[in-house]
């Protein structure tokens, strides 16, 4: 059946181009496979984002599930992915489905699956669902199931108001600007901070399925307006959320971009030192060395995973973890769902400012002074064909620095004696090679990327 080859789950769900492989037909095939995986009598929560046709796609998925005898709770408006994850756990649903392509360009949409814990579905679940694609004809009618329209954002808002130290935050007058990037995180933080003295403003918080011609990804190059406004209008903190509000980047006074890698360090320090919480820290293989230094200083366990938040999510369910994060901006924290939440991460940065009575730039500078300032860069190369790198073909030194360790469990990471490193990681689905590098000065980090670029082009 056509759907078998066109539906393939990646690191975070299935994504496709609308009207190409992302069609009503394929969504029905996928929804039927999900229904076959679960069996009748189960409960599923379905949410959707602000993308083109997301509401209609969510409705079609819900109808197929209901025809198979499942009870479906369908959100009545666009919602962030974390609110769906929270609802699945709190209301004890058997599964959650989120119609979103997260940070992808406007022509994409997607399908994320959430487990009863609120965490992302692992490969064992997505592989099982993929194996059921097309095995059963799509049910166009059926009894026993039902679709309930509802709003679960209020439950989420209530929980987060209790999760953060609202009592301490509400008296402060910090000035905060939130860039919703035309995504579904357009009002959540305002609802959570309602009744406080925080001076909160939003930008790009309307529904715009074209995302203003860009992509709703909180990379520095996409946040020039946020940086400019934070600088000119003297905001104490700028927060950027991606399309479904599960990822974050931040901006400090003066328009200084705070990379998500540094946000993870700030969250770990805040939760340990200000909240006095215990627990290890999780980073991915392409995470910054600064996190190693912070974990050592705090005397906590450092976990390292392959790229993909589902691996962090799994650890948060089985180990004592205070904070986990990925270079793309997904942050998870203790005492909550084992999943990313950009709004919660942003609120915790604000809380850190309140606890320390300092703006985020001063806190950031203090962290870098203590744990080292690292320059992290990334480049994506689109190749004519997929390239497989072999360990034996890699150099023994980089820019005159001896390579002392090679990690190859997810791509190839070459680590030098001075702590600088270069990493190659090919896409599993496209002829794209991602290069990552880090060094203690920006010039060296960029030179490492250039070196990596030249190595890739060697046949």
Protein backbone atom coordinates (compact mmCIF):
# COMPACT_ATOMS: atom_id res chain seq x y z
CA UNK A 1 0.00 0.00 0.00
CA UNK A 2 1.22 3.50 -0.80
CA UNK A 3 1.23 4.56 2.83
CA UNK A 4 3.86 2.01 3.81
CA UNK A 5 6.70 3.73 1.94
CA UNK A 6 5.50 7.29 2.50
CA UNK A 7 5.07 7.14 6.28
CA UNK A 8 8.33 6.82 8.18
CA UNK A 9 8.95 7.93 11.77
CA UNK A 10 12.16 9.84 12.47
CA UNK A 11 13.73 11.23 15.65
CA UNK A 12 10.50 12.99 16.60
CA UNK A 13 7.49 11.58 14.80
CA UNK A 14 6.54 11.48 11.13
CA UNK A 15 6.78 14.61 8.99
CA UNK A 16 5.84 15.17 5.40
CA UNK A 17 5.04 17.83 2.84
CA UNK A 18 1.38 18.84 2.75
CA UNK A 19 -0.40 17.57 -0.40
CA UNK A 20 2.66 15.49 -1.36
CA UNK A 21 3.07 12.60 1.09
CA UNK A 22 1.25 14.34 3.96
CA UNK A 23 -2.31 13.73 2.77
CA UNK A 24 -5.69 12.87 4.26
CA UNK A 25 -5.29 9.41 2.73
CA UNK A 26 -1.96 8.73 4.44
CA UNK A 27 -3.20 10.19 7.73
CA UNK A 28 -6.17 7.80 7.64
CA UNK A 29 -3.80 4.88 6.99
CA UNK A 30 -1.61 5.96 9.90
CA UNK A 31 -4.56 6.54 12.23
CA UNK A 32 -5.84 3.04 11.40
CA UNK A 33 -2.41 1.58 12.28
CA UNK A 34 -2.49 3.45 15.61
CA UNK A 35 -5.99 2.09 16.28
CA UNK A 36 -4.82 -1.46 15.44
CA UNK A 37 -1.84 -1.01 17.76
CA UNK A 38 -4.03 0.13 20.68
CA UNK A 39 -7.14 -1.97 20.19
CA UNK A 40 -10.73 -0.85 20.91
CA UNK A 41 -11.84 0.65 24.21
CA UNK A 42 -8.74 2.79 24.71
CA UNK A 43 -8.54 6.58 25.19
CA UNK A 44 -6.52 8.93 22.98
CA UNK A 45 -5.96 12.70 23.24
CA UNK A 46 -5.48 14.55 19.95
CA UNK A 47 -4.03 18.04 19.60
CA UNK A 48 -2.98 20.27 16.72
CA UNK A 49 -0.87 23.37 16.07
CA UNK A 50 -1.34 26.56 14.01
CA UNK A 51 -0.16 25.09 10.70
CA UNK A 52 -2.19 25.05 7.50
CA UNK A 53 -5.03 22.50 7.76
CA UNK A 54 -3.85 21.16 11.15
CA UNK A 55 -7.38 21.38 12.59
CA UNK A 56 -8.81 19.40 9.65
CA UNK A 57 -6.02 16.81 9.80
CA UNK A 58 -6.66 16.32 13.53
CA UNK A 59 -10.38 15.88 12.87
CA UNK A 60 -9.75 13.14 10.27
CA UNK A 61 -7.38 11.26 12.61
CA UNK A 62 -9.92 11.50 15.43
CA UNK A 63 -12.71 10.15 13.21
CA UNK A 64 -10.71 7.06 12.20
CA UNK A 65 -9.78 6.36 15.83
CA UNK A 66 -13.43 6.76 16.92
CA UNK A 67 -14.63 4.43 14.13
CA UNK A 68 -12.32 1.80 15.66
CA UNK A 69 -14.03 2.00 19.05
CA UNK A 70 -11.67 4.43 20.76
CA UNK A 71 -12.65 7.42 22.87
CA UNK A 72 -10.96 10.56 21.54
CA UNK A 73 -10.51 13.88 23.29
CA UNK A 74 -9.90 16.47 20.57
CA UNK A 75 -8.66 19.90 21.61
CA UNK A 76 -10.97 22.68 20.46
CA UNK A 77 -8.14 24.98 19.32
CA UNK A 78 -4.41 25.07 18.54
CA UNK A 79 -2.29 24.04 21.51
CA UNK A 80 1.40 23.56 22.37
CA UNK A 81 2.67 20.00 22.28
CA UNK A 82 3.59 20.04 26.01
CA UNK A 83 -0.06 20.66 26.97
CA UNK A 84 -1.01 17.50 25.08
CA UNK A 85 1.78 15.52 26.77
CA UNK A 86 0.65 16.81 30.17
CA UNK A 87 -3.00 15.92 29.47
CA UNK A 88 -2.10 12.37 28.40
CA UNK A 89 -0.34 11.76 31.70
CA UNK A 90 -2.72 13.60 34.02
CA UNK A 91 -5.90 12.18 32.54
CA UNK A 92 -4.42 8.70 32.11
CA UNK A 93 -4.88 8.41 28.36
CA UNK A 94 -3.45 5.39 26.57
CA UNK A 95 -1.79 7.53 23.91
CA UNK A 96 -1.54 11.08 22.61
CA UNK A 97 -1.39 12.25 19.00
CA UNK A 98 -0.14 15.72 18.10
CA UNK A 99 -0.59 17.11 14.59
CA UNK A 100 2.48 19.33 14.19
CA UNK A 101 5.70 19.65 12.23
CA UNK A 102 7.26 21.61 15.09
CA UNK A 103 9.99 23.87 13.67
CA UNK A 104 9.81 22.72 10.04
CA UNK A 105 8.95 25.16 7.21
CA UNK A 106 5.31 25.95 6.43
CA UNK A 107 4.87 23.34 3.70
CA UNK A 108 5.36 20.54 6.25
CA UNK A 109 3.05 18.95 8.78
CA UNK A 110 3.57 16.01 11.08
CA UNK A 111 2.34 13.41 13.54
CA UNK A 112 3.88 13.01 17.01
CA UNK A 113 2.96 10.18 19.37
CA UNK A 114 3.01 10.60 23.16
CA UNK A 115 3.04 7.75 25.68
CA UNK A 116 0.95 7.48 28.89
CA UNK A 117 3.90 9.00 30.81
CA UNK A 118 3.70 12.10 28.60
CA UNK A 119 7.04 11.21 27.01
CA UNK A 120 7.72 10.64 23.32
CA UNK A 121 7.08 7.22 21.78
CA UNK A 122 10.27 5.22 21.41
CA UNK A 123 11.36 3.17 18.38
CA UNK A 124 9.69 0.02 19.74
CA UNK A 125 6.30 1.77 19.53
CA UNK A 126 6.79 3.62 16.24
CA UNK A 127 8.27 0.50 14.60
CA UNK A 128 5.26 -1.52 15.74
CA UNK A 129 2.87 1.08 14.32
CA UNK A 130 4.81 1.24 11.06
CA UNK A 131 4.54 -2.55 10.75
CA UNK A 132 0.74 -2.24 10.90
CA UNK A 133 0.46 0.34 8.09
CA UNK A 134 -1.97 -0.87 5.46
CA UNK A 135 -2.61 -4.21 7.16
CA UNK A 136 -6.22 -3.30 7.94
CA UNK A 137 -8.57 -1.36 5.63
CA UNK A 138 -9.32 2.09 7.04
CA UNK A 139 -12.62 2.03 8.95
CA UNK A 140 -14.93 4.64 7.47
CA UNK A 141 -17.67 3.95 10.01
CA UNK A 142 -18.12 2.09 13.25
CA UNK A 143 -19.71 2.16 16.65
CA UNK A 144 -18.42 2.17 20.19
CA UNK A 145 -16.09 5.14 19.93
CA UNK A 146 -16.69 8.84 20.32
CA UNK A 147 -15.05 12.22 19.89
CA UNK A 148 -15.22 14.67 22.78
CA UNK A 149 -14.23 18.28 22.06
CA UNK A 150 -12.51 19.99 24.96
CA UNK A 151 -9.88 22.35 26.32
CA UNK A 152 -7.15 21.03 28.58
CA UNK A 153 -4.97 24.15 28.61
CA UNK A 154 -6.55 25.34 31.88
CA UNK A 155 -5.35 22.18 33.71
CA UNK A 156 -1.85 22.74 32.35
CA UNK A 157 -1.82 26.42 33.35
CA UNK A 158 -2.96 25.57 36.87
CA UNK A 159 -0.20 22.96 37.26
CA UNK A 160 2.58 25.23 35.97
CA UNK A 161 1.48 28.12 38.21
CA UNK A 162 2.05 25.75 41.12
CA UNK A 163 5.24 24.28 39.63
CA UNK A 164 7.01 27.64 39.39
CA UNK A 165 7.47 29.84 42.47
CA UNK A 166 4.61 32.12 41.45
CA UNK A 167 4.43 33.72 44.89
CA UNK A 168 8.03 34.88 44.60
CA UNK A 169 7.80 35.83 40.94
CA UNK A 170 4.57 37.81 41.03
CA UNK A 171 5.93 40.80 42.98
CA UNK A 172 8.85 41.41 40.60
CA UNK A 173 8.68 43.83 37.70
CA UNK A 174 11.03 42.24 35.22
CA UNK A 175 10.25 43.11 31.62
CA UNK A 176 9.92 40.02 29.39
CA UNK A 177 9.35 39.72 25.62
CA UNK A 178 8.07 36.42 24.19
CA UNK A 179 8.47 35.61 20.48
CA UNK A 180 5.83 32.96 19.68
CA UNK A 181 7.14 32.67 16.08
CA UNK A 182 3.49 32.42 14.89
CA UNK A 183 3.22 29.08 16.69
CA UNK A 184 0.84 27.62 19.26
CA UNK A 185 2.68 29.08 22.29
CA UNK A 186 0.99 32.42 21.67
CA UNK A 187 -0.63 33.01 25.07
CA UNK A 188 0.40 30.26 27.48
CA UNK A 189 3.01 32.25 29.42
CA UNK A 190 0.56 35.16 29.76
CA UNK A 191 -2.05 32.84 31.29
CA UNK A 192 0.51 31.41 33.72
CA UNK A 193 1.78 34.83 34.83
CA UNK A 194 -1.70 36.38 35.07
CA UNK A 195 -1.96 38.47 38.26
CA UNK A 196 1.79 39.05 38.52
CA UNK A 197 3.71 42.31 38.13
CA UNK A 198 5.91 40.87 35.37
CA UNK A 199 5.68 43.25 32.40
CA UNK A 200 5.03 40.74 29.63
CA UNK A 201 4.83 41.47 25.91
CA UNK A 202 4.45 39.19 22.90
CA UNK A 203 5.51 39.38 19.28
CA UNK A 204 4.62 37.20 16.27
CA UNK A 205 1.74 35.83 18.34
CA UNK A 206 -0.94 35.74 15.65
CA UNK A 207 -1.88 32.73 13.52
CA UNK A 208 0.10 32.87 10.29
CA UNK A 209 0.38 29.46 8.57
CA UNK A 210 3.22 30.76 6.36
CA UNK A 211 5.19 31.78 9.48
CA UNK A 212 5.92 35.13 7.88
CA UNK A 213 7.87 33.43 5.11
CA UNK A 214 10.39 31.89 7.52
CA UNK A 215 10.41 28.79 9.68
CA UNK A 216 9.37 28.70 13.35
CA UNK A 217 12.75 27.50 14.60
CA UNK A 218 14.45 29.44 17.44
CA UNK A 219 17.84 29.73 15.77
CA UNK A 220 19.77 32.97 16.18
CA UNK A 221 19.42 33.89 12.50
CA UNK A 222 15.62 33.72 12.84
CA UNK A 223 15.49 35.97 15.90
CA UNK A 224 16.97 39.26 14.71
CA UNK A 225 13.78 41.20 15.50
CA UNK A 226 13.59 39.69 19.00
CA UNK A 227 17.24 40.57 19.65
CA UNK A 228 16.72 44.11 18.36
CA UNK A 229 13.63 44.72 20.47
CA UNK A 230 15.21 43.30 23.64
CA UNK A 231 18.15 45.65 23.10
CA UNK A 232 16.22 48.81 22.10
CA UNK A 233 13.30 48.49 24.49
CA UNK A 234 15.47 47.32 27.40
CA UNK A 235 13.80 44.01 28.17
CA UNK A 236 15.31 41.93 30.98
CA UNK A 237 14.70 38.67 29.10
CA UNK A 238 13.60 37.57 25.65
CA UNK A 239 12.11 34.10 25.12
CA UNK A 240 11.61 32.45 21.72
CA UNK A 241 9.38 29.39 21.29
CA UNK A 242 9.28 27.13 18.24
CA UNK A 243 6.15 26.24 16.27
CA UNK A 244 4.65 23.89 18.85
CA UNK A 245 6.29 25.57 21.87
CA UNK A 246 8.34 22.61 23.05
CA UNK A 247 11.69 24.24 22.23
CA UNK A 248 13.30 27.44 23.46
CA UNK A 249 16.03 29.96 22.81
CA UNK A 250 16.56 33.13 24.83
CA UNK A 251 17.92 36.66 24.51
CA UNK A 252 19.65 38.65 27.25
CA UNK A 253 19.76 42.44 27.71
CA UNK A 254 21.70 44.13 24.92
CA UNK A 255 20.32 41.63 22.40
CA UNK A 256 22.75 38.86 23.42
CA UNK A 257 21.60 35.48 22.09
CA UNK A 258 21.61 32.68 24.70
CA UNK A 259 22.16 29.36 22.93
CA UNK A 260 20.01 26.46 24.17
CA UNK A 261 23.21 24.67 25.24
CA UNK A 262 23.75 27.45 27.78
CA UNK A 263 20.09 27.39 28.82
CA UNK A 264 20.54 23.77 29.93
CA UNK A 265 23.47 24.84 32.13
CA UNK A 266 21.45 27.69 33.63
CA UNK A 267 18.50 25.40 34.40
CA UNK A 268 20.72 22.78 36.04
CA UNK A 269 22.42 25.39 38.22
CA UNK A 270 19.12 27.02 39.18
CA UNK A 271 17.39 23.79 40.14
CA UNK A 272 20.40 22.56 42.14
CA UNK A 273 21.57 25.77 43.77
CA UNK A 274 18.37 27.81 44.16
CA UNK A 275 15.72 25.10 44.39
CA UNK A 276 18.09 22.66 46.14
CA UNK A 277 16.86 19.75 44.02
CA UNK A 278 18.96 16.64 43.44
CA UNK A 279 19.52 14.75 40.22
CA UNK A 280 21.85 14.24 37.30
CA UNK A 281 22.06 16.16 34.04
CA UNK A 282 21.40 14.74 30.56
CA UNK A 283 22.96 16.06 27.38
CA UNK A 284 23.19 14.59 23.89
CA UNK A 285 26.40 13.48 22.18
CA UNK A 286 26.61 16.88 20.44
CA UNK A 287 26.15 18.76 23.70
CA UNK A 288 28.59 21.35 25.02
CA UNK A 289 31.56 20.49 27.24
CA UNK A 290 30.35 23.18 29.67
CA UNK A 291 27.70 20.72 30.91
CA UNK A 292 30.45 18.23 31.81
CA UNK A 293 32.13 20.94 33.89
CA UNK A 294 28.87 21.89 35.63
CA UNK A 295 28.03 18.25 36.44
CA UNK A 296 31.50 17.74 37.89
CA UNK A 297 31.23 20.89 40.02
CA UNK A 298 27.77 19.94 41.31
CA UNK A 299 29.04 16.38 41.89
CA UNK A 300 26.12 14.87 39.98
CA UNK A 301 25.92 12.16 37.37
CA UNK A 302 26.21 13.22 33.73
CA UNK A 303 24.25 11.18 31.21
CA UNK A 304 24.93 11.35 27.47
CA UNK A 305 22.49 10.14 24.82
CA UNK A 306 22.16 9.95 21.05
CA UNK A 307 20.49 12.94 19.35
CA UNK A 308 16.71 12.99 19.86
CA UNK A 309 14.77 14.01 22.94
CA UNK A 310 13.10 10.59 23.21
CA UNK A 311 16.41 9.26 24.59
CA UNK A 312 16.48 12.01 27.23
CA UNK A 313 12.81 11.34 27.93
CA UNK A 314 13.52 7.65 28.60
CA UNK A 315 16.27 8.51 31.08
CA UNK A 316 14.02 10.99 32.88
CA UNK A 317 11.57 8.14 33.46
CA UNK A 318 14.14 5.70 34.81
CA UNK A 319 16.84 7.82 36.50
CA UNK A 320 16.99 10.73 38.95
CA UNK A 321 17.44 13.60 36.48
CA UNK A 322 17.13 17.27 37.42
CA UNK A 323 17.42 18.61 33.85
CA UNK A 324 18.01 17.29 30.37
CA UNK A 325 18.41 19.15 27.11
CA UNK A 326 19.39 19.01 23.47
CA UNK A 327 21.26 21.47 21.28
CA UNK A 328 18.11 22.24 19.32
CA UNK A 329 16.42 23.80 22.37
CA UNK A 330 14.37 20.98 23.89
CA UNK A 331 14.57 21.15 27.72
CA UNK A 332 13.04 18.78 30.26
CA UNK A 333 13.04 19.25 34.04
CA UNK A 334 12.36 17.24 37.17
CA UNK A 335 8.94 17.01 38.83
CA UNK A 336 7.03 17.37 35.58
CA UNK A 337 6.45 15.34 32.41
CA UNK A 338 9.53 13.62 30.94
CA UNK A 339 9.28 15.83 27.88
CA UNK A 340 10.39 19.16 26.42
CA UNK A 341 8.59 22.38 27.26
CA UNK A 342 9.83 25.73 26.00
CA UNK A 343 7.40 27.76 28.11
CA UNK A 344 8.42 26.06 31.35
CA UNK A 345 12.12 26.45 30.53
CA UNK A 346 11.56 30.17 29.89
CA UNK A 347 9.62 30.60 33.13
CA UNK A 348 12.43 28.89 35.06
CA UNK A 349 14.95 31.34 33.58
CA UNK A 350 12.71 34.13 34.86
CA UNK A 351 12.49 32.39 38.23
CA UNK A 352 16.30 32.15 38.35
CA UNK A 353 16.49 35.93 37.82
CA UNK A 354 14.01 36.42 40.67
CA UNK A 355 15.88 34.12 43.06
CA UNK A 356 19.23 35.75 42.34
CA UNK A 357 17.87 39.26 41.85
CA UNK A 358 20.03 39.68 38.74
CA UNK A 359 19.29 40.00 35.05
CA UNK A 360 19.96 36.96 32.92
CA UNK A 361 23.05 38.47 31.26
CA UNK A 362 24.84 38.83 34.60
CA UNK A 363 23.92 35.25 35.55
CA UNK A 364 25.10 33.99 32.15
CA UNK A 365 28.43 35.82 32.45
CA UNK A 366 28.98 34.40 35.94
CA UNK A 367 28.30 30.87 34.66
CA UNK A 368 30.73 31.25 31.75
CA UNK A 369 33.42 32.74 33.99
CA UNK A 370 33.18 29.74 36.32
CA UNK A 371 32.67 26.89 33.85
CA UNK A 372 34.34 28.19 30.70
CA UNK A 373 33.11 30.00 27.65
CA UNK A 374 32.61 27.67 24.72
CA UNK A 375 31.74 28.52 21.14
CA UNK A 376 29.40 26.01 19.57
CA UNK A 377 28.67 26.01 15.83
CA UNK A 378 26.79 23.79 13.41
CA UNK A 379 26.53 23.46 9.64
CA UNK A 380 24.24 21.26 7.54
CA UNK A 381 25.66 20.02 4.22
CA UNK A 382 23.30 18.87 1.48
CA UNK A 383 25.14 16.24 -0.52
CA UNK A 384 24.54 14.58 -3.89
CA UNK A 385 24.44 11.24 -2.09
CA UNK A 386 24.58 9.87 1.43
CA UNK A 387 28.12 9.57 2.81
CA UNK A 388 29.16 6.88 5.28
CA UNK A 389 32.21 7.79 7.36
CA UNK A 390 34.52 5.08 8.66
CA UNK A 391 36.47 5.42 11.89
CA UNK A 392 39.73 4.37 10.25
CA UNK A 393 39.45 7.14 7.64
CA UNK A 394 39.24 9.95 10.20
CA UNK A 395 42.29 12.13 11.02
CA UNK A 396 44.41 11.64 14.13
CA UNK A 397 44.59 15.36 14.78
CA UNK A 398 42.47 18.45 14.16
CA UNK A 399 44.10 21.84 13.56
CA UNK A 400 47.29 20.55 15.14
CA UNK A 401 45.51 19.19 18.23
CA UNK A 402 45.72 15.45 18.90
CA UNK A 403 42.45 13.51 18.81
CA UNK A 404 42.26 11.66 22.14
CA UNK A 405 38.79 10.11 21.87
CA UNK A 406 36.32 9.10 19.15
CA UNK A 407 32.66 8.49 19.99
CA UNK A 408 30.74 6.64 17.29
CA UNK A 409 27.42 5.56 18.81
CA UNK A 410 25.53 8.30 16.93
CA UNK A 411 27.62 9.75 14.16
CA UNK A 412 31.34 10.36 14.69
CA UNK A 413 32.64 12.76 17.35
CA UNK A 414 36.37 13.52 17.44
CA UNK A 415 37.50 15.01 20.74
CA UNK A 416 40.89 16.72 21.07
CA UNK A 417 43.18 16.98 24.08
CA UNK A 418 42.28 20.66 24.62
CA UNK A 419 38.54 19.83 24.81
CA UNK A 420 37.69 21.11 21.32
CA UNK A 421 35.76 18.69 19.13
CA UNK A 422 34.30 18.06 15.68
CA UNK A 423 31.33 15.82 14.97
CA UNK A 424 29.82 14.32 11.82
CA UNK A 425 26.24 13.05 11.88
CA UNK A 426 24.40 11.98 8.75
CA UNK A 427 20.64 12.22 8.39
CA UNK A 428 18.86 8.88 8.45
CA UNK A 429 16.41 9.93 5.75
CA UNK A 430 18.10 12.55 3.55
CA UNK A 431 21.53 13.08 1.93
CA UNK A 432 22.41 15.64 4.61
CA UNK A 433 25.56 15.62 6.74
CA UNK A 434 25.40 17.69 9.91
CA UNK A 435 28.68 19.06 11.19
CA UNK A 436 29.05 20.23 14.79
CA UNK A 437 32.09 21.80 16.42
CA UNK A 438 33.04 23.46 19.67
CA UNK A 439 36.12 25.31 20.85
CA UNK A 440 37.13 27.99 23.32
CA UNK A 441 37.18 30.66 20.62
CA UNK A 442 34.81 31.24 17.73
CA UNK A 443 37.53 31.35 15.09
CA UNK A 444 38.77 27.87 15.98
CA UNK A 445 35.23 26.49 16.10
CA UNK A 446 34.53 27.79 12.58
CA UNK A 447 37.87 26.43 11.33
CA UNK A 448 36.88 23.00 12.69
CA UNK A 449 33.67 23.19 10.65
CA UNK A 450 35.65 24.13 7.54
CA UNK A 451 37.97 21.19 8.16
CA UNK A 452 34.99 18.88 8.55
CA UNK A 453 33.54 20.27 5.33
CA UNK A 454 36.77 19.44 3.45
CA UNK A 455 36.87 15.92 4.87
CA UNK A 456 33.34 15.20 3.70
CA UNK A 457 34.16 16.18 0.14
CA UNK A 458 36.99 13.61 -0.07
CA UNK A 459 35.87 10.45 -1.90
